[in-house]
Every structure is written in structure tokens, then in C-alpha cells.
Amino acid sequence: MNIVNNTMYDKDLILRYNKFYARSYMIKNFIVITVISLGFATYMAIEEQWSYAALLLGILLVYYVLTLGMQKLTTAKMLKRSPLVDNPMLQTYVFKEEEFIVTNVKSSSVLYTTVQSVKKAPDFFMIQTNDRKTYIVDFKGFDNPEDKVELANFFNTKFRANIKL
């Protein structure tokens, strides 16, 4: 296997990554908190303590709005500090059987044994390693659409992932 991908690290990629991360965060955390809060609010409503039920739902709404606000502020702060906004960088990935090679200013190889997880966003793969490095592989960077499918199948086999395209 020798799949090549050229991913442009720029403002657009940062925004898409942050949107994916924020959505994942909200799904994981907000759903659990909402279910628990609705359970307590229902119990309070059954006990006819309407003010407490309304207060709990109000706090839930405030938490949601604050979380969205924090995500927007974090993204704005990241864009302000990132050198990639003004100076986009092309990163080339070459995926082989036992490792993938990352080339930008310098070249390095990453063994698949160090990969902790592979996730699929709507328009990129996100590879996280044990040393907490994240590699974003943009779908637009493949020369052939078949390469994206072949790489997804490889990830499914190698990491027992459930990546569907």
C-alpha cells in the first residue's frame, strides 16, 4: 500500500476541526447532562415543585449557551494565535503497511503501533497517537477518491474501527 495525501493546514482546516471537536464534545457531554437534568426536573414536576423544575431547566439552558460561547471564544483565540492562518502549510502523508510518513518542513514516520485512535469527520480523518499528537488527513488531499476508501478500509482492518464513507 502506498497512499499519498496532501493536506493544506490553513484557517479553513482549523475551523472544520474545531467544529468537529465542538460537536463531539456537545454530543458526549451535553446529552448526559440533559438526560440527568430532565430526570430531576421531571421528578420535581411530579412533586409539584414547579419553580425548582423551571430553575433546573433554566440552568441547563444557561450551561448550553455558555458552552457554545466558550467554544466560539476558544476558536477565535486559536485563530488569532495560529501561524497557519497567515502562512498555510502543506503536509504530505504517505500511508504504508506498517507506518505513515509525514512531511512538511521535515519528515518523520509514525508507526501504527503508536496510533491510539482514528476517527472520521465529515471531510477528514483524525489520527491521534499515544504521545497526544493529532494528524488531520483532509479528504480533498487525495488524488483519487478510491484512495480515501482504501485508507478507510485499511483503518477499519488495522484498528477495528467502524469508519463508513
Protein backbone atom coordinates (compact mmCIF):
# COMPACT_ATOMS: atom_id res chain seq x y z
CA MET A 1 0.00 0.00 0.00
CA ASN A 2 1.25 3.45 -0.87
CA ILE A 3 -1.48 6.07 -0.47
CA VAL A 4 -0.47 9.72 -0.73
CA ASN A 5 -2.44 12.63 0.71
CA ASN A 6 -1.60 16.35 0.57
CA THR A 7 -3.42 18.23 3.34
CA MET A 8 -3.33 22.01 3.43
CA TYR A 9 -3.19 23.18 7.05
CA ASP A 10 -4.91 26.55 6.92
CA LYS A 11 -7.67 28.59 8.55
CA ASP A 12 -10.38 26.51 6.87
CA LEU A 13 -8.99 23.25 8.26
CA ILE A 14 -8.69 24.75 11.75
CA LEU A 15 -12.33 25.84 11.63
CA ARG A 16 -13.53 22.45 10.36
CA TYR A 17 -11.51 20.64 13.05
CA ASN A 18 -12.87 22.89 15.82
CA LYS A 19 -16.42 22.44 14.56
CA PHE A 20 -15.99 18.65 14.61
CA TYR A 21 -14.42 18.75 18.07
CA ALA A 22 -17.15 21.04 19.47
CA ARG A 23 -19.89 18.83 18.06
CA SER A 24 -18.29 15.71 19.52
CA TYR A 25 -17.90 17.43 22.88
CA MET A 26 -21.52 18.55 22.92
CA ILE A 27 -22.78 15.10 21.98
CA LYS A 28 -20.72 13.36 24.65
CA ASN A 29 -21.25 15.79 27.50
CA PHE A 30 -24.42 17.73 26.91
CA ILE A 31 -26.62 14.71 26.21
CA VAL A 32 -25.66 13.06 29.51
CA ILE A 33 -26.21 16.26 31.48
CA THR A 34 -29.52 16.88 29.69
CA VAL A 35 -30.85 13.41 30.47
CA ILE A 36 -29.92 13.71 34.14
CA SER A 37 -31.35 17.23 34.41
CA LEU A 38 -34.59 16.25 32.67
CA GLY A 39 -34.90 13.32 35.06
CA PHE A 40 -34.57 15.59 38.08
CA ALA A 41 -36.86 18.23 36.53
CA THR A 42 -39.50 15.57 35.87
CA TYR A 43 -39.24 14.34 39.45
CA MET A 44 -39.61 17.91 40.72
CA ALA A 45 -42.61 18.47 38.47
CA ILE A 46 -44.23 15.26 39.79
CA GLU A 47 -43.64 16.56 43.32
CA GLU A 48 -45.26 19.82 42.14
CA GLN A 49 -42.16 21.87 42.82
CA TRP A 50 -42.53 23.83 39.61
CA SER A 51 -40.09 26.59 40.49
CA TYR A 52 -37.25 24.11 41.09
CA ALA A 53 -38.04 22.25 37.88
CA ALA A 54 -38.03 25.52 35.92
CA LEU A 55 -34.83 26.63 37.64
CA LEU A 56 -33.08 23.38 36.73
CA LEU A 57 -34.17 23.70 33.09
CA GLY A 58 -33.01 27.34 33.10
CA ILE A 59 -29.61 26.32 34.43
CA LEU A 60 -29.41 23.68 31.70
CA LEU A 61 -30.13 26.31 29.05
CA VAL A 62 -27.53 28.68 30.51
CA TYR A 63 -24.98 25.84 30.58
CA TYR A 64 -25.67 25.13 26.90
CA VAL A 65 -25.29 28.79 25.89
CA LEU A 66 -22.10 29.19 27.95
CA THR A 67 -20.60 26.05 26.43
CA LEU A 68 -21.29 27.30 22.90
CA GLY A 69 -19.84 30.70 23.82
CA MET A 70 -16.70 29.13 25.25
CA GLN A 71 -16.25 27.08 22.08
CA LYS A 72 -16.55 30.21 19.92
CA LEU A 73 -14.10 32.16 22.12
CA THR A 74 -11.62 29.28 22.08
CA THR A 75 -11.80 29.05 18.30
CA ALA A 76 -11.32 32.81 17.91
CA LYS A 77 -8.35 32.73 20.29
CA MET A 78 -6.83 29.79 18.43
CA LEU A 79 -7.20 31.56 15.08
CA LYS A 80 -5.58 34.67 16.49
CA ARG A 81 -2.54 32.72 17.73
CA SER A 82 -2.13 30.22 14.91
CA PRO A 83 0.62 30.92 12.38
CA LEU A 84 -1.28 28.72 9.90
CA VAL A 85 -3.86 31.47 9.33
CA ASP A 86 -1.34 33.76 7.66
CA ASN A 87 1.09 31.08 6.49
CA PRO A 88 -0.74 27.91 5.40
CA MET A 89 1.37 24.77 5.32
CA LEU A 90 1.12 21.76 3.04
CA GLN A 91 1.58 18.48 4.89
CA THR A 92 2.08 15.31 2.87
CA TYR A 93 1.14 11.90 4.22
CA VAL A 94 2.32 8.64 2.70
CA PHE A 95 0.44 5.69 4.16
CA LYS A 96 2.26 2.35 4.05
CA GLU A 97 1.55 -1.06 5.62
CA GLU A 98 3.30 -0.55 8.98
CA GLU A 99 3.69 3.21 9.22
CA PHE A 100 2.80 6.52 7.67
CA ILE A 101 5.29 9.21 6.76
CA VAL A 102 4.53 12.85 7.47
CA THR A 103 6.38 15.52 5.52
CA ASN A 104 6.15 19.29 5.90
CA VAL A 105 9.26 21.25 6.91
CA LYS A 106 10.85 17.98 7.97
CA SER A 107 9.94 14.36 7.53
CA SER A 108 9.01 11.84 10.22
CA SER A 109 7.43 8.42 10.35
CA VAL A 110 4.69 7.25 12.66
CA LEU A 111 4.27 3.56 13.38
CA TYR A 112 0.69 2.32 13.51
CA THR A 113 1.51 0.69 16.86
CA THR A 114 1.66 4.21 18.33
CA VAL A 115 -1.76 5.20 16.96
CA GLN A 116 -4.35 5.46 19.72
CA SER A 117 -7.41 6.16 17.59
CA VAL A 118 -8.64 7.02 14.12
CA LYS A 119 -11.85 8.99 13.72
CA LYS A 120 -13.75 10.12 10.67
CA ALA A 121 -15.18 13.61 10.49
CA PRO A 122 -17.44 14.65 7.61
CA ASP A 123 -14.46 15.71 5.49
CA PHE A 124 -11.27 14.43 7.11
CA PHE A 125 -9.68 11.60 9.09
CA MET A 126 -8.26 12.45 12.50
CA ILE A 127 -5.41 10.24 13.70
CA GLN A 128 -4.34 10.50 17.34
CA THR A 129 -1.16 8.93 18.67
CA ASN A 130 -0.14 7.82 22.14
CA ASP A 131 2.04 10.91 22.53
CA ARG A 132 -1.08 13.09 22.05
CA LYS A 133 -0.25 14.27 18.53
CA THR A 134 -3.15 14.74 16.15
CA TYR A 135 -2.85 14.36 12.40
CA ILE A 136 -5.64 15.63 10.17
CA VAL A 137 -5.92 13.98 6.76
CA ASP A 138 -8.21 16.07 4.56
CA PHE A 139 -10.35 14.16 2.06
CA LYS A 140 -9.64 16.86 -0.54
CA GLY A 141 -5.96 15.91 -0.44
CA PHE A 142 -6.36 12.52 -2.13
CA ASP A 143 -5.56 12.30 -5.83
CA ASN A 144 -8.12 9.51 -6.34
CA PRO A 145 -11.41 9.06 -4.46
CA GLU A 146 -10.60 5.34 -4.33
CA ASP A 147 -7.58 6.11 -2.12
CA LYS A 148 -9.88 7.53 0.56
CA VAL A 149 -11.99 4.36 0.50
CA GLU A 150 -8.92 2.12 0.53
CA LEU A 151 -7.46 4.03 3.50
CA ALA A 152 -10.76 3.85 5.40
CA ASN A 153 -10.87 0.08 4.81
CA PHE A 154 -7.27 -0.19 5.98
CA PHE A 155 -8.10 1.75 9.18
CA ASN A 156 -11.13 -0.47 9.75
CA THR A 157 -8.98 -3.58 9.48
CA LYS A 158 -5.92 -2.29 11.32
CA PHE A 159 -7.68 -0.57 14.23
CA ARG A 160 -11.01 -2.40 14.30
CA ALA A 161 -12.57 0.96 13.55
CA ASN A 162 -16.04 1.40 12.12
CA ILE A 163 -15.36 4.08 9.54
CA LYS A 164 -18.11 4.43 6.96
CA LEU A 165 -17.80 6.69 3.95
